[in-house]
Amino acid sequence: MSKQLFEKEYERSLQEIEDNKEDLNTRIDESCQRIQDNINAWHQESLNIINKEMSDYERATRG
């Protein structure tokens, strides 16, 4: 393999690694966002349940 061909292949490999790294970082960011969205939804649902239970308790203790 000539030096020129080797260098060209080396540069191509480096670019492929960089592209894969960017793709992986994007996928990680998207996964983190989905996790955060799920946490937020779970938190909101928990608050809704707590508020309903408190309202039910207040109604039951008033009358």
Protein backbone atom coordinates (compact mmCIF):
# COMPACT_ATOMS: atom_id res chain seq x y z
CA MET A 1 0.00 0.00 0.00
CA SER A 2 1.46 3.32 -0.97
CA LYS A 3 1.91 6.04 1.59
CA GLN A 4 -0.58 8.25 -0.24
CA LEU A 5 -3.24 5.54 -0.28
CA PHE A 6 -2.57 4.78 3.38
CA GLU A 7 -2.96 8.46 4.32
CA LYS A 8 -6.18 8.72 2.33
CA GLU A 9 -7.59 5.63 4.04
CA TYR A 10 -6.42 6.93 7.42
CA GLU A 11 -8.22 10.26 6.86
CA ARG A 12 -11.36 8.46 5.72
CA SER A 13 -11.26 6.32 8.86
CA LEU A 14 -10.83 9.37 11.07
CA GLN A 15 -13.82 11.04 9.41
CA GLU A 16 -15.91 7.90 9.86
CA ILE A 17 -14.99 7.81 13.55
CA GLU A 18 -15.96 11.48 13.92
CA ASP A 19 -19.27 10.89 12.12
CA ASN A 20 -20.02 7.91 14.35
CA LYS A 21 -19.15 9.95 17.44
CA GLU A 22 -21.52 12.73 16.38
CA ASP A 23 -24.27 10.20 15.67
CA LEU A 24 -23.74 8.57 19.04
CA ASN A 25 -23.83 11.92 20.83
CA THR A 26 -27.07 12.79 19.05
CA ARG A 27 -28.61 9.46 20.04
CA ILE A 28 -27.49 9.93 23.65
CA ASP A 29 -29.00 13.44 23.72
CA GLU A 30 -32.29 12.12 22.32
CA SER A 31 -32.36 9.30 24.87
CA CYS A 32 -31.68 11.72 27.71
CA GLN A 33 -34.50 13.95 26.51
CA ARG A 34 -36.93 11.01 26.39
CA ILE A 35 -35.88 10.02 29.92
CA GLN A 36 -36.39 13.60 31.15
CA ASP A 37 -39.80 13.75 29.44
CA ASN A 38 -40.80 10.49 31.15
CA ILE A 39 -39.62 11.78 34.54
CA ASN A 40 -41.60 15.00 34.05
CA ALA A 41 -44.73 13.07 33.03
CA TRP A 42 -44.38 10.73 36.01
CA HIS A 43 -43.90 13.69 38.35
CA GLN A 44 -46.98 15.46 36.97
CA GLU A 45 -49.06 12.29 37.24
CA SER A 46 -47.88 11.84 40.83
CA LEU A 47 -48.90 15.42 41.66
CA ASN A 48 -52.30 14.83 40.06
CA ILE A 49 -52.84 11.71 42.17
CA ILE A 50 -51.74 13.48 45.36
CA ASN A 51 -54.02 16.45 44.64
CA LYS A 52 -56.97 14.14 43.97
CA GLU A 53 -56.32 12.19 47.17
CA MET A 54 -56.10 15.43 49.15
CA SER A 55 -59.35 16.69 47.63
CA ASP A 56 -61.08 13.39 48.37
CA TYR A 57 -59.80 13.49 51.95
CA GLU A 58 -60.92 17.10 52.44
CA ARG A 59 -64.39 16.29 51.12
CA ALA A 60 -64.63 13.22 53.35
CA THR A 61 -63.54 15.07 56.50
CA ARG A 62 -65.82 18.09 55.91
CA GLY A 63 -69.07 16.23 55.80
